[in-house]
PDB file of all heavy atoms in Angstrom:
ATOM      1  N   ASN A   1      -3.676 -10.517   4.346  1.00  0.00           N
ATOM      2  CA  ASN A   1      -5.009 -11.188   4.264  1.00  0.00           C
ATOM      3  C   ASN A   1      -5.985 -10.403   3.436  1.00  0.00           C
ATOM      4  O   ASN A   1      -7.040 -10.889   3.084  1.00  0.00           O
ATOM      5  CB  ASN A   1      -5.560 -11.413   5.690  1.00  0.00           C
ATOM      6  CG  ASN A   1      -5.874 -10.092   6.408  1.00  0.00           C
ATOM      7  OD1 ASN A   1      -4.968  -9.309   6.618  1.00  0.00           O
ATOM      8  ND2 ASN A   1      -7.096  -9.909   6.812  1.00  0.00           N
ATOM      9  N   VAL A   2      -5.685  -9.123   3.161  1.00  0.00           N
ATOM     10  CA  VAL A   2      -6.487  -8.287   2.286  1.00  0.00           C
ATOM     11  C   VAL A   2      -5.535  -7.449   1.458  1.00  0.00           C
ATOM     12  O   VAL A   2      -4.613  -6.895   1.971  1.00  0.00           O
ATOM     13  CB  VAL A   2      -7.464  -7.347   3.036  1.00  0.00           C
ATOM     14  CG1 VAL A   2      -8.274  -6.478   2.065  1.00  0.00           C
ATOM     15  CG2 VAL A   2      -8.380  -8.107   3.946  1.00  0.00           C
ATOM     16  N   ILE A   3      -5.824  -7.361   0.130  1.00  0.00           N
ATOM     17  CA  ILE A   3      -5.003  -6.489  -0.726  1.00  0.00           C
ATOM     18  C   ILE A   3      -5.968  -5.816  -1.687  1.00  0.00           C
ATOM     19  O   ILE A   3      -6.805  -6.358  -2.314  1.00  0.00           O
ATOM     20  CB  ILE A   3      -3.923  -7.333  -1.497  1.00  0.00           C
ATOM     21  CG1 ILE A   3      -3.028  -6.335  -2.347  1.00  0.00           C
ATOM     22  CG2 ILE A   3      -4.529  -8.383  -2.355  1.00  0.00           C
ATOM     23  CD1 ILE A   3      -1.804  -7.018  -2.871  1.00  0.00           C
ATOM     24  N   LYS A   4      -5.834  -4.445  -1.735  1.00  0.00           N
ATOM     25  CA  LYS A   4      -6.718  -3.605  -2.545  1.00  0.00           C
ATOM     26  C   LYS A   4      -5.891  -2.660  -3.385  1.00  0.00           C
ATOM     27  O   LYS A   4      -4.881  -2.108  -2.967  1.00  0.00           O
ATOM     28  CB  LYS A   4      -7.670  -2.801  -1.676  1.00  0.00           C
ATOM     29  CG  LYS A   4      -8.592  -3.635  -0.794  1.00  0.00           C
ATOM     30  CD  LYS A   4      -9.719  -4.265  -1.589  1.00  0.00           C
ATOM     31  CE  LYS A   4     -10.652  -5.072  -0.658  1.00  0.00           C
ATOM     32  NZ  LYS A   4     -11.819  -5.688  -1.393  1.00  0.00           N
ATOM     33  N   ALA A   5      -6.387  -2.419  -4.576  1.00  0.00           N
ATOM     34  CA  ALA A   5      -5.746  -1.447  -5.508  1.00  0.00           C
ATOM     35  C   ALA A   5      -6.472  -0.094  -5.327  1.00  0.00           C
ATOM     36  O   ALA A   5      -7.736  -0.032  -5.454  1.00  0.00           O
ATOM     37  CB  ALA A   5      -5.799  -1.922  -6.958  1.00  0.00           C
ATOM     38  N   ALA A   6      -5.732   1.014  -5.108  1.00  0.00           N
ATOM     39  CA  ALA A   6      -6.338   2.329  -4.974  1.00  0.00           C
ATOM     40  C   ALA A   6      -5.234   3.362  -5.268  1.00  0.00           C
ATOM     41  O   ALA A   6      -4.038   3.115  -4.953  1.00  0.00           O
ATOM     42  CB  ALA A   6      -6.924   2.524  -3.595  1.00  0.00           C
ATOM     43  N   ASP A   7      -5.645   4.518  -5.808  1.00  0.00           N
ATOM     44  CA  ASP A   7      -4.701   5.631  -6.043  1.00  0.00           C
ATOM     45  C   ASP A   7      -4.642   6.409  -4.754  1.00  0.00           C
ATOM     46  O   ASP A   7      -5.364   7.412  -4.526  1.00  0.00           O
ATOM     47  CB  ASP A   7      -5.150   6.468  -7.203  1.00  0.00           C
ATOM     48  CG  ASP A   7      -4.144   7.551  -7.564  1.00  0.00           C
ATOM     49  OD1 ASP A   7      -3.105   7.618  -6.884  1.00  0.00           O
ATOM     50  OD2 ASP A   7      -4.447   8.341  -8.450  1.00  0.00           O
ATOM     51  N   VAL A   8      -3.778   6.033  -3.808  1.00  0.00           N
ATOM     52  CA  VAL A   8      -3.717   6.614  -2.476  1.00  0.00           C
ATOM     53  C   VAL A   8      -3.277   8.098  -2.567  1.00  0.00           C
ATOM     54  O   VAL A   8      -3.865   8.927  -1.899  1.00  0.00           O
ATOM     55  CB  VAL A   8      -2.764   5.847  -1.580  1.00  0.00           C
ATOM     56  CG1 VAL A   8      -2.539   6.477  -0.228  1.00  0.00           C
ATOM     57  CG2 VAL A   8      -3.355   4.359  -1.423  1.00  0.00           C
ATOM     58  N   ASN A   9      -2.223   8.392  -3.343  1.00  0.00           N
ATOM     59  CA  ASN A   9      -1.657   9.732  -3.343  1.00  0.00           C
ATOM     60  C   ASN A   9      -2.070  10.583  -4.492  1.00  0.00           C
ATOM     61  O   ASN A   9      -1.472  11.613  -4.788  1.00  0.00           O
ATOM     62  CB  ASN A   9      -0.132   9.661  -3.274  1.00  0.00           C
ATOM     63  CG  ASN A   9       0.479   8.855  -4.410  1.00  0.00           C
ATOM     64  OD1 ASN A   9      -0.234   8.190  -5.147  1.00  0.00           O
ATOM     65  ND2 ASN A   9       1.769   8.877  -4.518  1.00  0.00           N
ATOM     66  N   SER A  10      -3.095  10.155  -5.247  1.00  0.00           N
ATOM     67  CA  SER A  10      -3.692  10.937  -6.350  1.00  0.00           C
ATOM     68  C   SER A  10      -2.695  11.332  -7.427  1.00  0.00           C
ATOM     69  O   SER A  10      -2.778  12.452  -7.959  1.00  0.00           O
ATOM     70  CB  SER A  10      -4.386  12.233  -5.780  1.00  0.00           C
ATOM     71  OG  SER A  10      -5.360  11.869  -4.791  1.00  0.00           O
ATOM     72  N   ASP A  11      -1.787  10.431  -7.786  1.00  0.00           N
ATOM     73  CA  ASP A  11      -0.882  10.725  -8.833  1.00  0.00           C
ATOM     74  C   ASP A  11      -1.248  10.000 -10.141  1.00  0.00           C
ATOM     75  O   ASP A  11      -0.442   9.949 -11.102  1.00  0.00           O
ATOM     76  CB  ASP A  11       0.550  10.326  -8.443  1.00  0.00           C
ATOM     77  CG  ASP A  11       0.771   8.802  -8.167  1.00  0.00           C
ATOM     78  OD1 ASP A  11      -0.312   8.073  -8.204  1.00  0.00           O
ATOM     79  OD2 ASP A  11       1.865   8.413  -7.941  1.00  0.00           O
ATOM     80  N   GLY A  12      -2.429   9.378 -10.184  1.00  0.00           N
ATOM     81  CA  GLY A  12      -2.862   8.731 -11.411  1.00  0.00           C
ATOM     82  C   GLY A  12      -2.389   7.270 -11.505  1.00  0.00           C
ATOM     83  O   GLY A  12      -2.758   6.611 -12.542  1.00  0.00           O
ATOM     84  N   ARG A  13      -1.681   6.770 -10.541  1.00  0.00           N
ATOM     85  CA  ARG A  13      -1.169   5.407 -10.554  1.00  0.00           C
ATOM     86  C   ARG A  13      -1.832   4.615  -9.426  1.00  0.00           C
ATOM     87  O   ARG A  13      -1.955   5.099  -8.315  1.00  0.00           O
ATOM     88  CB  ARG A  13       0.341   5.327 -10.499  1.00  0.00           C
ATOM     89  CG  ARG A  13       1.020   5.962 -11.663  1.00  0.00           C
ATOM     90  CD  ARG A  13       2.530   5.763 -11.607  1.00  0.00           C
ATOM     91  NE  ARG A  13       3.134   6.597 -10.594  1.00  0.00           N
ATOM     92  CZ  ARG A  13       3.547   7.841 -10.750  1.00  0.00           C
ATOM     93  NH1 ARG A  13       3.454   8.398 -11.989  1.00  0.00           N
ATOM     94  NH2 ARG A  13       4.139   8.484  -9.790  1.00  0.00           N
ATOM     95  N   MET A  14      -2.166   3.386  -9.685  1.00  0.00           N
ATOM     96  CA  MET A  14      -2.802   2.533  -8.748  1.00  0.00           C
ATOM     97  C   MET A  14      -1.791   1.931  -7.782  1.00  0.00           C
ATOM     98  O   MET A  14      -0.856   1.251  -8.139  1.00  0.00           O
ATOM     99  CB  MET A  14      -3.559   1.410  -9.398  1.00  0.00           C
ATOM    100  CG  MET A  14      -4.742   1.868 -10.309  1.00  0.00           C
ATOM    101  SD  MET A  14      -5.883   2.969  -9.431  1.00  0.00           S
ATOM    102  CE  MET A  14      -6.736   1.751  -8.450  1.00  0.00           C
ATOM    103  N   ASP A  15      -1.986   2.235  -6.485  1.00  0.00           N
ATOM    104  CA  ASP A  15      -1.136   1.736  -5.404  1.00  0.00           C
ATOM    105  C   ASP A  15      -1.775   0.505  -4.763  1.00  0.00           C
ATOM    106  O   ASP A  15      -2.862   0.095  -5.161  1.00  0.00           O
ATOM    107  CB  ASP A  15      -0.948   2.841  -4.372  1.00  0.00           C
ATOM    108  CG  ASP A  15      -0.505   4.163  -4.989  1.00  0.00           C
ATOM    109  OD1 ASP A  15       0.472   4.168  -5.714  1.00  0.00           O
ATOM    110  OD2 ASP A  15      -1.191   5.154  -4.713  1.00  0.00           O
ATOM    111  N   LEU A  16      -1.077  -0.045  -3.789  1.00  0.00           N
ATOM    112  CA  LEU A  16      -1.589  -1.266  -3.078  1.00  0.00           C
ATOM    113  C   LEU A  16      -1.772  -0.895  -1.580  1.00  0.00           C
ATOM    114  O   LEU A  16      -0.873  -0.384  -0.891  1.00  0.00           O
ATOM    115  CB  LEU A  16      -0.664  -2.408  -3.213  1.00  0.00           C
ATOM    116  CG  LEU A  16      -0.478  -3.011  -4.620  1.00  0.00           C
ATOM    117  CD1 LEU A  16       0.566  -4.087  -4.700  1.00  0.00           C
ATOM    118  CD2 LEU A  16      -1.810  -3.602  -5.071  1.00  0.00           C
ATOM    119  N   VAL A  17      -2.945  -1.262  -1.075  1.00  0.00           N
ATOM    120  CA  VAL A  17      -3.260  -1.129   0.358  1.00  0.00           C
ATOM    121  C   VAL A  17      -3.425  -2.570   0.838  1.00  0.00           C
ATOM    122  O   VAL A  17      -4.244  -3.318   0.362  1.00  0.00           O
ATOM    123  CB  VAL A  17      -4.537  -0.325   0.658  1.00  0.00           C
ATOM    124  CG1 VAL A  17      -4.798  -0.283   2.104  1.00  0.00           C
ATOM    125  CG2 VAL A  17      -4.381   1.046   0.052  1.00  0.00           C
ATOM    126  N   VAL A  18      -2.591  -2.956   1.878  1.00  0.00           N
ATOM    127  CA  VAL A  18      -2.523  -4.323   2.306  1.00  0.00           C
ATOM    128  C   VAL A  18      -2.762  -4.401   3.798  1.00  0.00           C
ATOM    129  O   VAL A  18      -2.148  -3.640   4.588  1.00  0.00           O
ATOM    130  CB  VAL A  18      -1.119  -4.947   1.948  1.00  0.00           C
ATOM    131  CG1 VAL A  18      -1.108  -6.412   2.291  1.00  0.00           C
ATOM    132  CG2 VAL A  18      -0.816  -4.730   0.438  1.00  0.00           C
ATOM    133  N   SER A  19      -3.604  -5.342   4.206  1.00  0.00           N
ATOM    134  CA  SER A  19      -3.750  -5.682   5.616  1.00  0.00           C
ATOM    135  C   SER A  19      -2.840  -6.790   5.990  1.00  0.00           C
ATOM    136  O   SER A  19      -2.854  -7.845   5.322  1.00  0.00           O
ATOM    137  CB  SER A  19      -5.232  -6.027   5.923  1.00  0.00           C
ATOM    138  OG  SER A  19      -5.387  -6.527   7.236  1.00  0.00           O
ATOM    139  N   ASP A  20      -2.036  -6.571   7.020  1.00  0.00           N
ATOM    140  CA  ASP A  20      -1.038  -7.585   7.468  1.00  0.00           C
ATOM    141  C   ASP A  20      -1.583  -8.240   8.710  1.00  0.00           C
ATOM    142  O   ASP A  20      -1.471  -7.669   9.795  1.00  0.00           O
ATOM    143  CB  ASP A  20       0.305  -6.873   7.712  1.00  0.00           C
ATOM    144  CG  ASP A  20       1.373  -7.837   8.251  1.00  0.00           C
ATOM    145  OD1 ASP A  20       1.067  -9.048   8.387  1.00  0.00           O
ATOM    146  OD2 ASP A  20       2.509  -7.393   8.602  1.00  0.00           O
ATOM    147  N   ARG A  21      -2.129  -9.416   8.589  1.00  0.00           N
ATOM    148  CA  ARG A  21      -2.741 -10.140   9.711  1.00  0.00           C
ATOM    149  C   ARG A  21      -1.710 -10.541  10.748  1.00  0.00           C
ATOM    150  O   ARG A  21      -1.971 -10.504  11.907  1.00  0.00           O
ATOM    151  CB  ARG A  21      -3.532 -11.320   9.212  1.00  0.00           C
ATOM    152  CG  ARG A  21      -4.121 -12.185  10.304  1.00  0.00           C
ATOM    153  CD  ARG A  21      -5.019 -13.231   9.809  1.00  0.00           C
ATOM    154  NE  ARG A  21      -6.236 -12.645   9.234  1.00  0.00           N
ATOM    155  CZ  ARG A  21      -7.193 -13.367   8.559  1.00  0.00           C
ATOM    156  NH1 ARG A  21      -6.981 -14.667   8.360  1.00  0.00           N
ATOM    157  NH2 ARG A  21      -8.250 -12.789   8.110  1.00  0.00           N
ATOM    158  N   LYS A  22      -0.540 -10.950  10.303  1.00  0.00           N
ATOM    159  CA  LYS A  22       0.435 -11.408  11.216  1.00  0.00           C
ATOM    160  C   LYS A  22       0.929 -10.331  12.159  1.00  0.00           C
ATOM    161  O   LYS A  22       1.090 -10.580  13.425  1.00  0.00           O
ATOM    162  CB  LYS A  22       1.687 -11.946  10.439  1.00  0.00           C
ATOM    163  CG  LYS A  22       2.758 -12.530  11.365  1.00  0.00           C
ATOM    164  CD  LYS A  22       3.945 -13.033  10.528  1.00  0.00           C
ATOM    165  CE  LYS A  22       3.558 -14.242   9.699  1.00  0.00           C
ATOM    166  NZ  LYS A  22       4.741 -14.837   9.005  1.00  0.00           N
ATOM    167  N   ASN A  23       1.111  -9.085  11.715  1.00  0.00           N
ATOM    168  CA  ASN A  23       1.647  -7.979  12.558  1.00  0.00           C
ATOM    169  C   ASN A  23       0.572  -6.976  12.958  1.00  0.00           C
ATOM    170  O   ASN A  23       0.855  -6.064  13.706  1.00  0.00           O
ATOM    171  CB  ASN A  23       2.799  -7.271  11.793  1.00  0.00           C
ATOM    172  CG  ASN A  23       3.958  -8.158  11.509  1.00  0.00           C
ATOM    173  OD1 ASN A  23       4.502  -8.838  12.425  1.00  0.00           O
ATOM    174  ND2 ASN A  23       4.340  -8.273  10.270  1.00  0.00           N
ATOM    175  N   GLY A  24      -0.652  -7.210  12.509  1.00  0.00           N
ATOM    176  CA  GLY A  24      -1.756  -6.298  12.878  1.00  0.00           C
ATOM    177  C   GLY A  24      -1.571  -4.907  12.413  1.00  0.00           C
ATOM    178  O   GLY A  24      -1.708  -3.914  13.165  1.00  0.00           O
ATOM    179  N   LYS A  25      -1.228  -4.726  11.164  1.00  0.00           N
ATOM    180  CA  LYS A  25      -0.969  -3.408  10.570  1.00  0.00           C
ATOM    181  C   LYS A  25      -1.630  -3.240   9.186  1.00  0.00           C
ATOM    182  O   LYS A  25      -1.980  -4.223   8.541  1.00  0.00           O
ATOM    183  CB  LYS A  25       0.537  -3.196  10.394  1.00  0.00           C
ATOM    184  CG  LYS A  25       1.354  -3.169  11.684  1.00  0.00           C
ATOM    185  CD  LYS A  25       1.119  -1.972  12.504  1.00  0.00           C
ATOM    186  CE  LYS A  25       2.019  -1.944  13.742  1.00  0.00           C
ATOM    187  NZ  LYS A  25       1.750  -0.752  14.586  1.00  0.00           N
ATOM    188  N   ILE A  26      -1.798  -1.995   8.793  1.00  0.00           N
ATOM    189  CA  ILE A  26      -2.165  -1.626   7.399  1.00  0.00           C
ATOM    190  C   ILE A  26      -0.932  -1.074   6.765  1.00  0.00           C
ATOM    191  O   ILE A  26      -0.325  -0.159   7.246  1.00  0.00           O
ATOM    192  CB  ILE A  26      -3.329  -0.613   7.393  1.00  0.00           C
ATOM    193  CG1 ILE A  26      -4.563  -1.167   8.085  1.00  0.00           C
ATOM    194  CG2 ILE A  26      -3.634  -0.245   5.957  1.00  0.00           C
ATOM    195  CD1 ILE A  26      -5.160  -2.370   7.464  1.00  0.00           C
ATOM    196  N   LYS A  27      -0.556  -1.646   5.611  1.00  0.00           N
ATOM    197  CA  LYS A  27       0.640  -1.223   4.907  1.00  0.00           C
ATOM    198  C   LYS A  27       0.273  -0.749   3.501  1.00  0.00           C
ATOM    199  O   LYS A  27      -0.609  -1.316   2.859  1.00  0.00           O
ATOM    200  CB  LYS A  27       1.668  -2.384   4.837  1.00  0.00           C
ATOM    201  CG  LYS A  27       2.085  -2.827   6.216  1.00  0.00           C
ATOM    202  CD  LYS A  27       3.108  -3.986   6.238  1.00  0.00           C
ATOM    203  CE  LYS A  27       3.518  -4.344   7.605  1.00  0.00           C
ATOM    204  NZ  LYS A  27       4.523  -5.474   7.593  1.00  0.00           N
ATOM    205  N   ILE A  28       1.019   0.287   3.041  1.00  0.00           N
ATOM    206  CA  ILE A  28       0.733   0.899   1.763  1.00  0.00           C
ATOM    207  C   ILE A  28       1.941   0.873   0.887  1.00  0.00           C
ATOM    208  O   ILE A  28       3.064   1.236   1.334  1.00  0.00           O
ATOM    209  CB  ILE A  28       0.230   2.345   1.919  1.00  0.00           C
ATOM    210  CG1 ILE A  28      -1.026   2.368   2.818  1.00  0.00           C
ATOM    211  CG2 ILE A  28      -0.035   3.034   0.616  1.00  0.00           C
ATOM    212  CD1 ILE A  28      -1.411   3.762   3.334  1.00  0.00           C
ATOM    213  N   LEU A  29       1.820   0.366  -0.323  1.00  0.00           N
ATOM    214  CA  LEU A  29       2.887   0.329  -1.283  1.00  0.00           C
ATOM    215  C   LEU A  29       2.526   1.325  -2.411  1.00  0.00           C
ATOM    216  O   LEU A  29       1.591   1.081  -3.195  1.00  0.00           O
ATOM    217  CB  LEU A  29       3.038  -1.120  -1.849  1.00  0.00           C
ATOM    218  CG  LEU A  29       3.590  -2.208  -0.961  1.00  0.00           C
ATOM    219  CD1 LEU A  29       2.578  -2.607   0.137  1.00  0.00           C
ATOM    220  CD2 LEU A  29       4.033  -3.381  -1.773  1.00  0.00           C
ATOM    221  N   LEU A  30       3.324   2.460  -2.479  1.00  0.00           N
ATOM    222  CA  LEU A  30       3.093   3.395  -3.536  1.00  0.00           C
ATOM    223  C   LEU A  30       3.673   2.922  -4.866  1.00  0.00           C
ATOM    224  O   LEU A  30       4.732   2.345  -4.897  1.00  0.00           O
ATOM    225  CB  LEU A  30       3.670   4.765  -3.150  1.00  0.00           C
ATOM    226  CG  LEU A  30       3.050   5.454  -2.008  1.00  0.00           C
ATOM    227  CD1 LEU A  30       3.726   6.849  -1.796  1.00  0.00           C
ATOM    228  CD2 LEU A  30       1.559   5.681  -2.240  1.00  0.00           C
ATOM    229  N   ASN A  31       2.938   3.215  -5.899  1.00  0.00           N
ATOM    230  CA  ASN A  31       3.320   2.744  -7.285  1.00  0.00           C
ATOM    231  C   ASN A  31       4.183   3.828  -7.925  1.00  0.00           C
ATOM    232  O   ASN A  31       3.762   4.963  -8.156  1.00  0.00           O
ATOM    233  CB  ASN A  31       2.026   2.566  -8.083  1.00  0.00           C
ATOM    234  CG  ASN A  31       2.329   2.023  -9.459  1.00  0.00           C
ATOM    235  OD1 ASN A  31       3.481   2.028  -9.933  1.00  0.00           O
ATOM    236  ND2 ASN A  31       1.271   1.590 -10.161  1.00  0.00           N
ATOM    237  N   LYS A  32       5.462   3.525  -8.135  1.00  0.00           N
ATOM    238  CA  LYS A  32       6.414   4.393  -8.771  1.00  0.00           C
ATOM    239  C   LYS A  32       6.617   3.923 -10.184  1.00  0.00           C
ATOM    240  O   LYS A  32       7.526   3.132 -10.470  1.00  0.00           O
ATOM    241  CB  LYS A  32       7.735   4.442  -7.999  1.00  0.00           C
ATOM    242  CG  LYS A  32       7.581   4.888  -6.552  1.00  0.00           C
ATOM    243  CD  LYS A  32       7.216   6.385  -6.487  1.00  0.00           C
ATOM    244  CE  LYS A  32       7.246   6.842  -5.026  1.00  0.00           C
ATOM    245  NZ  LYS A  32       6.837   8.304  -4.901  1.00  0.00           N
ATOM    246  N   TYR A  33       5.757   4.372 -11.145  1.00  0.00           N
ATOM    247  CA  TYR A  33       5.837   4.016 -12.560  1.00  0.00           C
ATOM    248  C   TYR A  33       5.922   2.468 -12.746  1.00  0.00           C
ATOM    249  O   TYR A  33       6.791   1.917 -13.476  1.00  0.00           O
ATOM    250  CB  TYR A  33       7.052   4.706 -13.184  1.00  0.00           C
ATOM    251  CG  TYR A  33       7.010   6.165 -13.036  1.00  0.00           C
ATOM    252  CD1 TYR A  33       7.783   6.820 -11.999  1.00  0.00           C
ATOM    253  CD2 TYR A  33       6.234   6.955 -13.865  1.00  0.00           C
ATOM    254  CE1 TYR A  33       7.744   8.174 -11.897  1.00  0.00           C
ATOM    255  CE2 TYR A  33       6.197   8.351 -13.704  1.00  0.00           C
ATOM    256  CZ  TYR A  33       6.928   8.928 -12.745  1.00  0.00           C
ATOM    257  OH  TYR A  33       6.860  10.288 -12.614  1.00  0.00           O
ATOM    258  N   GLY A  34       4.989   1.782 -12.083  1.00  0.00           N
ATOM    259  CA  GLY A  34       4.911   0.351 -12.222  1.00  0.00           C
ATOM    260  C   GLY A  34       5.747  -0.448 -11.261  1.00  0.00           C
ATOM    261  O   GLY A  34       5.676  -1.737 -11.285  1.00  0.00           O
ATOM    262  N   GLU A  35       6.478   0.202 -10.395  1.00  0.00           N
ATOM    263  CA  GLU A  35       7.316  -0.507  -9.337  1.00  0.00           C
ATOM    264  C   GLU A  35       6.851  -0.131  -7.989  1.00  0.00           C
ATOM    265  O   GLU A  35       6.463   1.040  -7.750  1.00  0.00           O
ATOM    266  CB  GLU A  35       8.803  -0.149  -9.570  1.00  0.00           C
ATOM    267  CG  GLU A  35       9.343  -0.607 -10.893  1.00  0.00           C
ATOM    268  CD  GLU A  35      10.849  -0.316 -10.975  1.00  0.00           C
ATOM    269  OE1 GLU A  35      11.385   0.317 -10.079  1.00  0.00           O
ATOM    270  OE2 GLU A  35      11.456  -0.682 -12.023  1.00  0.00           O
ATOM    271  N   PHE A  36       6.906  -1.070  -7.048  1.00  0.00           N
ATOM    272  CA  PHE A  36       6.541  -0.824  -5.663  1.00  0.00           C
ATOM    273  C   PHE A  36       7.796  -1.017  -4.846  1.00  0.00           C
ATOM    274  O   PHE A  36       8.092  -2.155  -4.366  1.00  0.00           O
ATOM    275  CB  PHE A  36       5.418  -1.799  -5.266  1.00  0.00           C
ATOM    276  CG  PHE A  36       4.200  -1.708  -6.095  1.00  0.00           C
ATOM    277  CD1 PHE A  36       4.027  -2.398  -7.276  1.00  0.00           C
ATOM    278  CD2 PHE A  36       3.187  -0.822  -5.707  1.00  0.00           C
ATOM    279  CE1 PHE A  36       2.880  -2.321  -8.003  1.00  0.00           C
ATOM    280  CE2 PHE A  36       2.003  -0.704  -6.470  1.00  0.00           C
ATOM    281  CZ  PHE A  36       1.841  -1.436  -7.632  1.00  0.00           C
ATOM    282  N   SER A  37       8.539   0.052  -4.665  1.00  0.00           N
ATOM    283  CA  SER A  37       9.905  -0.118  -4.084  1.00  0.00           C
ATOM    284  C   SER A  37       9.930   0.072  -2.552  1.00  0.00           C
ATOM    285  O   SER A  37      10.860  -0.301  -1.924  1.00  0.00           O
ATOM    286  CB  SER A  37      10.791   0.959  -4.707  1.00  0.00           C
ATOM    287  OG  SER A  37      10.338   2.215  -4.508  1.00  0.00           O
ATOM    288  N   SER A  38       8.844   0.640  -1.974  1.00  0.00           N
ATOM    289  CA  SER A  38       8.888   0.872  -0.494  1.00  0.00           C
ATOM    290  C   SER A  38       7.490   0.554   0.053  1.00  0.00           C
ATOM    291  O   SER A  38       6.463   0.642  -0.598  1.00  0.00           O
ATOM    292  CB  SER A  38       9.338   2.280  -0.128  1.00  0.00           C
ATOM    293  OG  SER A  38       8.379   3.226  -0.685  1.00  0.00           O
ATOM    294  N   ILE A  39       7.529   0.226   1.378  1.00  0.00           N
ATOM    295  CA  ILE A  39       6.298  -0.109   2.030  1.00  0.00           C
ATOM    296  C   ILE A  39       6.110   0.837   3.259  1.00  0.00           C
ATOM    297  O   ILE A  39       6.985   0.961   4.108  1.00  0.00           O
ATOM    298  CB  ILE A  39       6.264  -1.523   2.540  1.00  0.00           C
ATOM    299  CG1 ILE A  39       6.424  -2.543   1.383  1.00  0.00           C
ATOM    300  CG2 ILE A  39       5.016  -1.889   3.378  1.00  0.00           C
ATOM    301  CD1 ILE A  39       6.452  -3.975   1.773  1.00  0.00           C
ATOM    302  N   HIS A  40       5.002   1.550   3.279  1.00  0.00           N
ATOM    303  CA  HIS A  40       4.736   2.470   4.411  1.00  0.00           C
ATOM    304  C   HIS A  40       3.771   1.737   5.356  1.00  0.00           C
ATOM    305  O   HIS A  40       2.714   1.218   4.914  1.00  0.00           O
ATOM    306  CB  HIS A  40       4.045   3.747   3.896  1.00  0.00           C
ATOM    307  CG  HIS A  40       3.464   4.586   5.012  1.00  0.00           C
ATOM    308  ND1 HIS A  40       4.247   5.370   5.823  1.00  0.00           N
ATOM    309  CD2 HIS A  40       2.199   4.692   5.419  1.00  0.00           C
ATOM    310  CE1 HIS A  40       3.455   5.978   6.712  1.00  0.00           C
ATOM    311  NE2 HIS A  40       2.215   5.648   6.508  1.00  0.00           N
ATOM    312  N   THR A  41       4.090   1.754   6.627  1.00  0.00           N
ATOM    313  CA  THR A  41       3.229   1.154   7.640  1.00  0.00           C
ATOM    314  C   THR A  41       2.503   2.246   8.414  1.00  0.00           C
ATOM    315  O   THR A  41       3.175   3.144   8.928  1.00  0.00           O
ATOM    316  CB  THR A  41       4.073   0.236   8.619  1.00  0.00           C
ATOM    317  OG1 THR A  41       4.739  -0.730   7.836  1.00  0.00           O
ATOM    318  CG2 THR A  41       3.201  -0.359   9.641  1.00  0.00           C
ATOM    319  N   GLU A  42       1.236   2.094   8.483  1.00  0.00           N
ATOM    320  CA  GLU A  42       0.469   3.064   9.285  1.00  0.00           C
ATOM    321  C   GLU A  42       0.716   2.890  10.727  1.00  0.00           C
ATOM    322  O   GLU A  42       0.598   1.759  11.270  1.00  0.00           O
ATOM    323  CB  GLU A  42      -1.056   2.922   8.956  1.00  0.00           C
ATOM    324  CG  GLU A  42      -1.510   3.695   7.749  1.00  0.00           C
ATOM    325  CD  GLU A  42      -1.304   5.149   7.938  1.00  0.00           C
ATOM    326  OE1 GLU A  42      -2.030   5.790   8.738  1.00  0.00           O
ATOM    327  OE2 GLU A  42      -0.437   5.778   7.275  1.00  0.00           O
ATOM    328  N   ASN A  43       1.037   3.945  11.448  1.00  0.00           N
ATOM    329  CA  ASN A  43       1.327   3.865  12.884  1.00  0.00           C
ATOM    330  C   ASN A  43       0.071   3.666  13.662  1.00  0.00           C
ATOM    331  O   ASN A  43      -1.024   4.125  13.271  1.00  0.00           O
ATOM    332  CB  ASN A  43       1.964   5.174  13.312  1.00  0.00           C
ATOM    333  CG  ASN A  43       3.346   5.380  12.681  1.00  0.00           C
ATOM    334  OD1 ASN A  43       4.066   4.410  12.423  1.00  0.00           O
ATOM    335  ND2 ASN A  43       3.705   6.605  12.422  1.00  0.00           N
ATOM    336  N   ALA A  44       0.146   2.951  14.748  1.00  0.00           N
ATOM    337  CA  ALA A  44      -0.915   2.716  15.678  1.00  0.00           C
ATOM    338  C   ALA A  44      -2.161   2.137  14.993  1.00  0.00           C
ATOM    339  O   ALA A  44      -3.315   2.512  15.217  1.00  0.00           O
ATOM    340  CB  ALA A  44      -1.293   4.001  16.464  1.00  0.00           C
TER     341      ALA A  44
END
């Protein structure tokens, strides 16, 4: 329900921070040279 671009890990590439309304979580997709291969879910 919300998607924002931000350099989360300070590597110079814009990552994605996503709010997941269905599961009630914040999820982060790190940018690996233009690809988003994994999704990290913030605990609690």
